[in-house]
């Protein structure tokens, strides 16, 4: 019990633990790794472009056309994020964002 109390101040003031079996150069590199990671974290990174919307389904029911885009069921005139649905056809959906246009089609052939 006395030995544990005598070691407590040493453990409290000790720096980070070092692997006694590691070579000196590897220990120095691992000690520098947090500083290198902090420097890498501080570098500004450009925002990635948002993913393009994906068409999952088109349904024609009671004279109305509906499209499932990224889990949202939309009709002509509705919005999917920044995109506005301007047309729903049998095999594609036309979207518009400002002056940009986008036509969504199914990724693979679908069975009827």
Protein backbone atom coordinates (compact mmCIF):
# COMPACT_ATOMS: atom_id res chain seq x y z
CA UNK A 1 0.00 0.00 0.00
CA UNK A 2 2.80 2.36 0.88
CA UNK A 3 4.54 1.63 -2.41
CA UNK A 4 1.43 2.60 -4.40
CA UNK A 5 1.11 5.91 -2.58
CA UNK A 6 4.76 6.66 -3.18
CA UNK A 7 4.39 6.06 -6.95
CA UNK A 8 1.21 8.14 -7.34
CA UNK A 9 3.00 11.52 -7.66
CA UNK A 10 5.31 10.07 -10.32
CA UNK A 11 2.44 8.77 -12.44
CA UNK A 12 0.43 11.99 -12.13
CA UNK A 13 3.26 14.21 -13.39
CA UNK A 14 4.56 11.83 -16.03
CA UNK A 15 4.38 12.70 -19.72
CA UNK A 16 2.91 10.45 -22.41
CA UNK A 17 3.86 6.82 -22.12
CA UNK A 18 6.48 5.51 -24.52
CA UNK A 19 6.74 1.99 -25.89
CA UNK A 20 9.99 0.70 -24.33
CA UNK A 21 10.42 -1.81 -27.19
CA UNK A 22 10.08 0.75 -30.01
CA UNK A 23 13.18 2.04 -31.77
CA UNK A 24 14.10 5.62 -31.01
CA UNK A 25 13.31 6.95 -34.53
CA UNK A 26 9.87 5.31 -34.52
CA UNK A 27 9.17 6.78 -31.08
CA UNK A 28 10.18 10.24 -32.32
CA UNK A 29 7.97 9.86 -35.41
CA UNK A 30 4.97 8.76 -33.36
CA UNK A 31 5.52 11.69 -30.98
CA UNK A 32 5.50 14.07 -33.99
CA UNK A 33 2.38 12.48 -35.52
CA UNK A 34 -0.15 14.47 -33.42
CA UNK A 35 1.51 17.75 -34.46
CA UNK A 36 1.47 16.72 -38.13
CA UNK A 37 -2.21 15.71 -37.85
CA UNK A 38 -3.06 19.05 -36.23
CA UNK A 39 -1.34 20.89 -39.09
CA UNK A 40 -3.23 18.79 -41.66
CA UNK A 41 -6.52 19.48 -39.88
CA UNK A 42 -5.96 23.24 -40.07
CA UNK A 43 -5.57 23.28 -43.88
CA UNK A 44 -8.80 24.59 -45.44
CA UNK A 45 -10.50 22.06 -47.69
CA UNK A 46 -12.91 23.03 -50.46
CA UNK A 47 -16.47 21.85 -49.93
CA UNK A 48 -17.18 18.86 -52.13
CA UNK A 49 -19.89 19.25 -54.74
CA UNK A 50 -23.24 17.97 -53.52
CA UNK A 51 -24.19 14.60 -54.97
CA UNK A 52 -26.48 14.56 -57.97
CA UNK A 53 -30.07 13.56 -57.20
CA UNK A 54 -30.97 9.93 -58.02
CA UNK A 55 -34.19 8.74 -59.55
CA UNK A 56 -35.66 5.68 -57.83
CA UNK A 57 -39.18 5.37 -59.30
CA UNK A 58 -41.79 6.96 -61.53
CA UNK A 59 -45.49 6.32 -60.94
CA UNK A 60 -48.48 7.38 -63.01
CA UNK A 61 -51.67 7.22 -60.94
CA UNK A 62 -55.08 8.88 -61.42
CA UNK A 63 -53.78 11.17 -64.14
CA UNK A 64 -50.89 12.39 -62.00
CA UNK A 65 -47.19 11.63 -62.48
CA UNK A 66 -45.03 11.15 -59.37
CA UNK A 67 -41.27 10.62 -59.11
CA UNK A 68 -39.27 9.22 -56.20
CA UNK A 69 -36.04 11.25 -56.11
CA UNK A 70 -33.72 10.42 -53.23
CA UNK A 71 -36.66 9.15 -51.17
CA UNK A 72 -38.87 12.19 -51.80
CA UNK A 73 -42.09 11.61 -53.73
CA UNK A 74 -42.44 14.65 -55.97
CA UNK A 75 -44.70 15.91 -58.74
CA UNK A 76 -44.10 18.53 -61.38
CA UNK A 77 -43.32 21.89 -59.76
CA UNK A 78 -41.98 20.38 -56.49
CA UNK A 79 -38.40 20.86 -55.35
CA UNK A 80 -35.68 18.32 -54.56
CA UNK A 81 -33.07 20.43 -52.78
CA UNK A 82 -32.10 23.23 -55.18
CA UNK A 83 -33.63 21.43 -58.17
CA UNK A 84 -37.21 22.00 -59.39
CA UNK A 85 -39.08 19.20 -61.17
CA UNK A 86 -40.11 20.55 -64.58
CA UNK A 87 -41.26 17.34 -66.24
CA UNK A 88 -41.97 13.69 -65.48
CA UNK A 89 -42.04 11.26 -68.39
CA UNK A 90 -42.29 7.48 -68.63
CA UNK A 91 -38.53 6.82 -68.32
CA UNK A 92 -37.03 10.12 -67.09
CA UNK A 93 -37.51 13.22 -64.96
CA UNK A 94 -36.36 16.68 -66.02
CA UNK A 95 -35.02 19.05 -63.35
CA UNK A 96 -33.94 22.70 -63.47
CA UNK A 97 -31.78 24.81 -61.14
CA UNK A 98 -31.39 28.39 -62.32
CA UNK A 99 -30.09 28.07 -65.88
CA UNK A 100 -28.84 24.49 -65.35
CA UNK A 101 -30.91 21.53 -66.53
CA UNK A 102 -30.63 17.89 -65.51
CA UNK A 103 -32.36 14.78 -66.85
CA UNK A 104 -32.57 11.85 -64.44
CA UNK A 105 -32.94 8.36 -65.86
CA UNK A 106 -32.93 4.94 -64.27
CA UNK A 107 -29.47 3.43 -63.74
CA UNK A 108 -30.49 0.12 -65.26
CA UNK A 109 -33.27 -1.29 -67.38
CA UNK A 110 -36.39 -1.96 -65.37
CA UNK A 111 -38.91 -4.72 -65.95
CA UNK A 112 -42.46 -3.81 -66.75
